[in-house]
Structures are given as structure tokens and as C-alpha cells.
Amino acid sequence: MYYWISYDIENDSTRTKLSKNLEKLGAIRVQKSIFIADASLKTWKDILDYLAKVNLDKKAIDNIILISIEEHQLQLATCLGKNEYLENLKNPPKIIFF
């Protein structure tokens, strides 16, 4: 299962910390404030636990939106312009190690 994580966070340090932690948890940035995670249920719960602790500014417009995506839905995604991260998710490169 894939999970779409997007956020609109005003505070620079909160936003930077959030993006670095999402990357540590295995999410891949597809745009400046959008990540996609190809995650097991346990990893997804770890991401949710982390996101629940993010200090959102209640006075600002801070928010985090989470959407689950089936693999066939991801394959139907269209990108206008260049986005190698999304393409690599849809068609992972085949790498052979010797």
C-alpha cells in the first residue's frame, strides 16, 4: 500500500524537521511538501505516530493530509512536467548486483 502525505506548515523549522523525519521513515519526496510512502502497516503506524506528535500551529493554517493509495491507483497517476521520483515509484529501476 502506498500513502500520500502532504502538508502545509508555516514554521520553517517545524516543516524542515517534518520532511527530514519523513525521509528517515522511508517516505519519498515527490514535490516540496508532498511525500509518498510505500510502507508496511507497521511502518505506516510509525509514520502516523510521528505525525500525531508534530506541533501544528493552531492559529495558522497548518495541516497534514494523509491518503492511502492502492498500487493500481498509483500506476494511473499522471505527472505534467518532469518528476523522476514518481516515475521511479511507478516503474522501479531494475538493478542487478553481482
Foldseek 3Di string as FASTA:
>chain_A
DKKKKFKDADDPVLQVVLVVVCVVLPWDDQDSGITMHPDDPVSVVVNVVVVVPRDGDPVDPIDMDMDDDDLVRLLVDDDDDDGVVSVCSNPPDDDDDD
